Amino acid sequence: MGRRNDARDDTAGARAQEADHAVYDRCWTGNLHSSIRCAALLLAMLLLVDWGSGNQTWWRAALWLALSLLLFLVLFPRRVSAGEGWLASRGLLGTQRVRTDMLVSLRSLEGVSQRLVLRDAFGERVELDPQVLVNNPDLWYRVHEDVRKSADLGSLLCGSTALRRVQERIERETARTVFKMSGLE
């Protein structure tokens, strides 16, 4: 009878267990589809206007296609994932990864687009939209646990205010969702 190779199965099990601990942004595919729809709608509208005015040429269609592609590139969402001790943000040009259990600073950038900037002891930095953490409680929990670990180790020099703001925002959104689901809103 075939006996299992316990050493090989343990290694495969460890990899599977390690992969299970990673959490991802659940809204990423929806955001990707939205950016594709916006770019396609812009292209269709521009081609329709050209067709309606009778000015349709191949070079204008190529220009509208380039413009739509540029809009897609601007709207392309970053894919955020986290595991025990790390947070990664992957975009079109590469991946930014930070050790969340060895953070040095956590800042909130206010402006037109809110950003949360995490920097670790190795000089790596990740920028992400706080709404990603609000929309993904499991991602927030993973990051929050590691940030608290950094604060307990004493490596987190600044960031308690920004962390508190994000936590209050998440609690506010959670309460709003609970009230909405229970019909008390």
C-alpha atoms as a PDB file:
ATOM      1  CA  MET A   1       0.000   0.000   0.000  1.00  0.00           C
ATOM      2  CA  GLY A   2       1.274   3.479  -0.691  1.00  0.00           C
ATOM      3  CA  ARG A   3       2.653   5.184   2.385  1.00  0.00           C
ATOM      4  CA  ARG A   4       2.707   8.917   2.589  1.00  0.00           C
ATOM      5  CA  ASN A   5       5.967  10.759   2.666  1.00  0.00           C
ATOM      6  CA  ASP A   6       5.429  12.662   5.909  1.00  0.00           C
ATOM      7  CA  ALA A   7       8.312  15.105   5.388  1.00  0.00           C
ATOM      8  CA  ARG A   8       7.027  16.192   1.983  1.00  0.00           C
ATOM      9  CA  ASP A   9       3.439  16.483   3.223  1.00  0.00           C
ATOM     10  CA  ASP A  10       4.552  18.598   6.182  1.00  0.00           C
ATOM     11  CA  THR A  11       6.331  21.030   3.854  1.00  0.00           C
ATOM     12  CA  ALA A  12       3.296  21.307   1.583  1.00  0.00           C
ATOM     13  CA  GLY A  13       1.050  21.750   4.611  1.00  0.00           C
ATOM     14  CA  ALA A  14       3.266  24.523   5.964  1.00  0.00           C
ATOM     15  CA  ARG A  15       3.086  26.378   2.640  1.00  0.00           C
ATOM     16  CA  ALA A  16      -0.690  26.004   2.515  1.00  0.00           C
ATOM     17  CA  GLN A  17      -1.010  27.174   6.102  1.00  0.00           C
ATOM     18  CA  GLU A  18       1.229  30.172   5.347  1.00  0.00           C
ATOM     19  CA  ALA A  19      -0.925  31.068   2.330  1.00  0.00           C
ATOM     20  CA  ASP A  20      -4.083  30.802   4.432  1.00  0.00           C
ATOM     21  CA  HIS A  21      -2.855  33.580   6.705  1.00  0.00           C
ATOM     22  CA  ALA A  22      -2.673  36.121   3.878  1.00  0.00           C
ATOM     23  CA  VAL A  23      -5.696  38.394   3.507  1.00  0.00           C
ATOM     24  CA  TYR A  24      -6.565  40.385   0.397  1.00  0.00           C
ATOM     25  CA  ASP A  25      -8.642  43.387  -0.582  1.00  0.00           C
ATOM     26  CA  ARG A  26     -12.067  41.926  -1.386  1.00  0.00           C
ATOM     27  CA  CYS A  27     -13.132  44.975  -3.428  1.00  0.00           C
ATOM     28  CA  TRP A  28     -10.165  44.901  -5.820  1.00  0.00           C
ATOM     29  CA  THR A  29     -11.864  43.014  -8.654  1.00  0.00           C
ATOM     30  CA  GLY A  30     -14.903  45.295  -8.470  1.00  0.00           C
ATOM     31  CA  ASN A  31     -12.646  48.355  -8.630  1.00  0.00           C
ATOM     32  CA  LEU A  32     -10.757  46.846 -11.565  1.00  0.00           C
ATOM     33  CA  HIS A  33     -13.996  46.205 -13.435  1.00  0.00           C
ATOM     34  CA  SER A  34     -15.135  49.766 -12.721  1.00  0.00           C
ATOM     35  CA  SER A  35     -11.926  51.207 -14.168  1.00  0.00           C
ATOM     36  CA  ILE A  36     -12.321  49.046 -17.281  1.00  0.00           C
ATOM     37  CA  ARG A  37     -15.963  50.149 -17.666  1.00  0.00           C
ATOM     38  CA  CYS A  38     -15.053  53.842 -17.303  1.00  0.00           C
ATOM     39  CA  ALA A  39     -12.314  53.604 -19.919  1.00  0.00           C
ATOM     40  CA  ALA A  40     -14.552  51.650 -22.313  1.00  0.00           C
ATOM     41  CA  LEU A  41     -17.431  54.105 -21.822  1.00  0.00           C
ATOM     42  CA  LEU A  42     -15.157  57.064 -22.562  1.00  0.00           C
ATOM     43  CA  LEU A  43     -13.890  55.368 -25.715  1.00  0.00           C
ATOM     44  CA  ALA A  44     -17.420  54.532 -26.859  1.00  0.00           C
ATOM     45  CA  MET A  45     -18.666  58.078 -26.232  1.00  0.00           C
ATOM     46  CA  LEU A  46     -15.743  59.679 -28.077  1.00  0.00           C
ATOM     47  CA  LEU A  47     -16.127  57.330 -31.050  1.00  0.00           C
ATOM     48  CA  LEU A  48     -19.875  57.938 -31.076  1.00  0.00           C
ATOM     49  CA  VAL A  49     -19.386  61.722 -31.121  1.00  0.00           C
ATOM     50  CA  ASP A  50     -16.879  61.378 -33.978  1.00  0.00           C
ATOM     51  CA  TRP A  51     -19.232  59.112 -35.910  1.00  0.00           C
ATOM     52  CA  GLY A  52     -22.165  61.495 -35.339  1.00  0.00           C
ATOM     53  CA  SER A  53     -20.204  64.531 -36.520  1.00  0.00           C
ATOM     54  CA  GLY A  54     -18.785  62.729 -39.564  1.00  0.00           C
ATOM     55  CA  ASN A  55     -15.183  63.385 -38.533  1.00  0.00           C
ATOM     56  CA  GLN A  56     -14.259  59.746 -37.938  1.00  0.00           C
ATOM     57  CA  THR A  57     -10.715  58.923 -39.055  1.00  0.00           C
ATOM     58  CA  TRP A  58      -8.279  56.208 -38.044  1.00  0.00           C
ATOM     59  CA  TRP A  59      -5.860  58.613 -36.356  1.00  0.00           C
ATOM     60  CA  ARG A  60      -8.647  60.177 -34.263  1.00  0.00           C
ATOM     61  CA  ALA A  61      -9.792  56.704 -33.218  1.00  0.00           C
ATOM     62  CA  ALA A  62      -6.198  55.893 -32.221  1.00  0.00           C
ATOM     63  CA  LEU A  63      -6.067  59.136 -30.218  1.00  0.00           C
ATOM     64  CA  TRP A  64      -9.318  58.279 -28.408  1.00  0.00           C
ATOM     65  CA  LEU A  65      -8.038  54.776 -27.730  1.00  0.00           C
ATOM     66  CA  ALA A  66      -4.835  56.214 -26.240  1.00  0.00           C
ATOM     67  CA  LEU A  67      -6.872  58.619 -24.112  1.00  0.00           C
ATOM     68  CA  SER A  68      -9.064  55.775 -22.836  1.00  0.00           C
ATOM     69  CA  LEU A  69      -5.990  53.673 -22.074  1.00  0.00           C
ATOM     70  CA  LEU A  70      -4.528  56.582 -20.111  1.00  0.00           C
ATOM     71  CA  LEU A  71      -7.752  56.849 -18.100  1.00  0.00           C
ATOM     72  CA  PHE A  72      -7.574  53.117 -17.342  1.00  0.00           C
ATOM     73  CA  LEU A  73      -3.970  53.465 -16.152  1.00  0.00           C
ATOM     74  CA  VAL A  74      -4.933  56.338 -13.857  1.00  0.00           C
ATOM     75  CA  LEU A  75      -7.908  54.468 -12.419  1.00  0.00           C
ATOM     76  CA  PHE A  76      -6.148  51.079 -12.073  1.00  0.00           C
ATOM     77  CA  PRO A  77      -6.506  50.042  -8.407  1.00  0.00           C
ATOM     78  CA  ARG A  78      -3.604  48.838  -6.277  1.00  0.00           C
ATOM     79  CA  ARG A  79      -4.009  45.314  -4.885  1.00  0.00           C
ATOM     80  CA  VAL A  80      -3.464  45.329  -1.121  1.00  0.00           C
ATOM     81  CA  SER A  81      -2.656  42.150   0.787  1.00  0.00           C
ATOM     82  CA  ALA A  82      -1.362  41.444   4.271  1.00  0.00           C
ATOM     83  CA  GLY A  83      -0.057  38.562   6.286  1.00  0.00           C
ATOM     84  CA  GLU A  84       1.556  38.114   9.640  1.00  0.00           C
ATOM     85  CA  GLY A  85       4.235  40.785   9.797  1.00  0.00           C
ATOM     86  CA  TRP A  86       3.866  42.269   6.309  1.00  0.00           C
ATOM     87  CA  LEU A  87       1.666  44.447   4.086  1.00  0.00           C
ATOM     88  CA  ALA A  88       1.996  44.644   0.305  1.00  0.00           C
ATOM     89  CA  SER A  89       0.501  46.962  -2.272  1.00  0.00           C
ATOM     90  CA  ARG A  90       0.843  45.844  -5.895  1.00  0.00           C
ATOM     91  CA  GLY A  91       0.291  48.191  -8.797  1.00  0.00           C
ATOM     92  CA  LEU A  92       1.113  48.238 -12.493  1.00  0.00           C
ATOM     93  CA  LEU A  93       4.735  49.228 -11.992  1.00  0.00           C
ATOM     94  CA  GLY A  94       5.625  46.943  -9.105  1.00  0.00           C
ATOM     95  CA  THR A  95       4.990  45.932  -5.538  1.00  0.00           C
ATOM     96  CA  GLN A  96       5.624  47.922  -2.382  1.00  0.00           C
ATOM     97  CA  ARG A  97       6.073  45.807   0.726  1.00  0.00           C
ATOM     98  CA  VAL A  98       6.531  46.860   4.336  1.00  0.00           C
ATOM     99  CA  ARG A  99       7.163  44.930   7.543  1.00  0.00           C
ATOM    100  CA  THR A 100       4.204  45.871   9.737  1.00  0.00           C
ATOM    101  CA  ASP A 101       5.722  44.279  12.823  1.00  0.00           C
ATOM    102  CA  MET A 102       8.723  46.637  12.533  1.00  0.00           C
ATOM    103  CA  LEU A 103       7.035  49.935  11.641  1.00  0.00           C
ATOM    104  CA  VAL A 104       8.788  53.202  12.410  1.00  0.00           C
ATOM    105  CA  SER A 105       6.040  55.604  11.359  1.00  0.00           C
ATOM    106  CA  LEU A 106       2.440  55.625  10.295  1.00  0.00           C
ATOM    107  CA  ARG A 107       1.167  58.909   8.864  1.00  0.00           C
ATOM    108  CA  SER A 108      -2.104  60.052   7.422  1.00  0.00           C
ATOM    109  CA  LEU A 109      -1.926  62.402   4.437  1.00  0.00           C
ATOM    110  CA  GLU A 110      -5.018  64.563   4.076  1.00  0.00           C
ATOM    111  CA  GLY A 111      -6.012  66.231   0.850  1.00  0.00           C
ATOM    112  CA  VAL A 112      -8.031  65.436  -2.237  1.00  0.00           C
ATOM    113  CA  SER A 113      -7.179  61.780  -1.829  1.00  0.00           C
ATOM    114  CA  GLN A 114      -6.568  60.505   1.696  1.00  0.00           C
ATOM    115  CA  ARG A 115      -3.525  58.302   2.063  1.00  0.00           C
ATOM    116  CA  LEU A 116      -2.064  56.231   4.869  1.00  0.00           C
ATOM    117  CA  VAL A 117       1.738  55.985   4.702  1.00  0.00           C
ATOM    118  CA  LEU A 118       3.475  53.142   6.538  1.00  0.00           C
ATOM    119  CA  ARG A 119       7.280  53.096   6.839  1.00  0.00           C
ATOM    120  CA  ASP A 120       9.309  50.285   8.371  1.00  0.00           C
ATOM    121  CA  ALA A 121      12.747  50.086   9.996  1.00  0.00           C
ATOM    122  CA  PHE A 122      14.342  48.976   6.708  1.00  0.00           C
ATOM    123  CA  GLY A 123      13.308  52.147   4.851  1.00  0.00           C
ATOM    124  CA  GLU A 124      10.503  50.522   2.876  1.00  0.00           C
ATOM    125  CA  ARG A 125       7.241  52.407   2.517  1.00  0.00           C
ATOM    126  CA  VAL A 126       3.685  51.666   1.452  1.00  0.00           C
ATOM    127  CA  GLU A 127       0.954  54.168   0.647  1.00  0.00           C
ATOM    128  CA  LEU A 128      -2.640  53.023   0.680  1.00  0.00           C
ATOM    129  CA  ASP A 129      -6.137  54.405   0.764  1.00  0.00           C
ATOM    130  CA  PRO A 130      -7.649  54.058   4.274  1.00  0.00           C
ATOM    131  CA  GLN A 131     -10.931  53.070   2.607  1.00  0.00           C
ATOM    132  CA  VAL A 132      -9.315  49.730   1.730  1.00  0.00           C
ATOM    133  CA  LEU A 133      -8.959  49.012   5.459  1.00  0.00           C
ATOM    134  CA  VAL A 134     -12.512  50.233   6.130  1.00  0.00           C
ATOM    135  CA  ASN A 135     -13.933  47.920   3.441  1.00  0.00           C
ATOM    136  CA  ASN A 136     -11.915  44.890   4.589  1.00  0.00           C
ATOM    137  CA  PRO A 137     -12.180  44.223   8.326  1.00  0.00           C
ATOM    138  CA  ASP A 138      -9.952  41.148   8.134  1.00  0.00           C
ATOM    139  CA  LEU A 139      -7.228  43.195   6.437  1.00  0.00           C
ATOM    140  CA  TRP A 140      -7.623  45.905   9.090  1.00  0.00           C
ATOM    141  CA  TYR A 141      -7.381  43.340  11.884  1.00  0.00           C
ATOM    142  CA  ARG A 142      -4.162  41.860  10.463  1.00  0.00           C
ATOM    143  CA  VAL A 143      -2.538  45.294  10.057  1.00  0.00           C
ATOM    144  CA  HIS A 144      -3.766  46.571  13.437  1.00  0.00           C
ATOM    145  CA  GLU A 145      -2.351  43.543  15.283  1.00  0.00           C
ATOM    146  CA  ASP A 146       1.086  44.058  13.740  1.00  0.00           C
ATOM    147  CA  VAL A 147       1.036  47.814  14.337  1.00  0.00           C
ATOM    148  CA  ARG A 148       0.295  47.177  18.007  1.00  0.00           C
ATOM    149  CA  LYS A 149       3.199  44.717  18.031  1.00  0.00           C
ATOM    150  CA  SER A 150       5.460  47.452  16.621  1.00  0.00           C
ATOM    151  CA  ALA A 151       4.265  49.874  19.284  1.00  0.00           C
ATOM    152  CA  ASP A 152       4.884  47.307  22.039  1.00  0.00           C
ATOM    153  CA  LEU A 153       8.428  46.672  20.753  1.00  0.00           C
ATOM    154  CA  GLY A 154       9.073  50.428  20.738  1.00  0.00           C
ATOM    155  CA  SER A 155       9.947  50.695  17.048  1.00  0.00           C
ATOM    156  CA  LEU A 156       6.831  52.758  16.168  1.00  0.00           C
ATOM    157  CA  LEU A 157       7.963  56.333  16.774  1.00  0.00           C
ATOM    158  CA  CYS A 158       4.957  58.209  15.417  1.00  0.00           C
ATOM    159  CA  GLY A 159       1.551  57.192  14.240  1.00  0.00           C
ATOM    160  CA  SER A 160      -0.759  56.728  17.188  1.00  0.00           C
ATOM    161  CA  THR A 161      -2.960  59.647  16.095  1.00  0.00           C
ATOM    162  CA  ALA A 162      -3.264  58.397  12.516  1.00  0.00           C
ATOM    163  CA  LEU A 163      -3.978  54.883  13.748  1.00  0.00           C
ATOM    164  CA  ARG A 164      -6.656  56.163  16.104  1.00  0.00           C
ATOM    165  CA  ARG A 165      -8.316  58.138  13.275  1.00  0.00           C
ATOM    166  CA  VAL A 166      -8.459  55.093  11.020  1.00  0.00           C
ATOM    167  CA  GLN A 167      -9.768  52.953  13.882  1.00  0.00           C
ATOM    168  CA  GLU A 168     -12.507  55.490  14.684  1.00  0.00           C
ATOM    169  CA  ARG A 169     -13.482  55.639  11.017  1.00  0.00           C
ATOM    170  CA  ILE A 170     -13.697  51.845  10.829  1.00  0.00           C
ATOM    171  CA  GLU A 171     -15.762  51.671  14.031  1.00  0.00           C
ATOM    172  CA  ARG A 172     -18.083  54.407  12.717  1.00  0.00           C
ATOM    173  CA  GLU A 173     -18.587  52.563   9.412  1.00  0.00           C
ATOM    174  CA  THR A 174     -19.155  49.273  11.225  1.00  0.00           C
ATOM    175  CA  ALA A 175     -21.773  50.828  13.505  1.00  0.00           C
ATOM    176  CA  ARG A 176     -23.473  52.453  10.507  1.00  0.00           C
ATOM    177  CA  THR A 177     -23.587  49.085   8.731  1.00  0.00           C
ATOM    178  CA  VAL A 178     -25.008  47.331  11.810  1.00  0.00           C
ATOM    179  CA  PHE A 179     -27.718  49.979  12.162  1.00  0.00           C
ATOM    180  CA  LYS A 180     -28.529  49.807   8.473  1.00  0.00           C
ATOM    181  CA  MET A 181     -28.792  46.004   8.497  1.00  0.00           C
ATOM    182  CA  SER A 182     -31.001  46.026  11.597  1.00  0.00           C
ATOM    183  CA  GLY A 183     -33.288  48.704  10.183  1.00  0.00           C
ATOM    184  CA  LEU A 184     -32.471  51.302  12.860  1.00  0.00           C
ATOM    185  CA  GLU A 185     -30.958  53.845  10.496  1.00  0.00           C
END
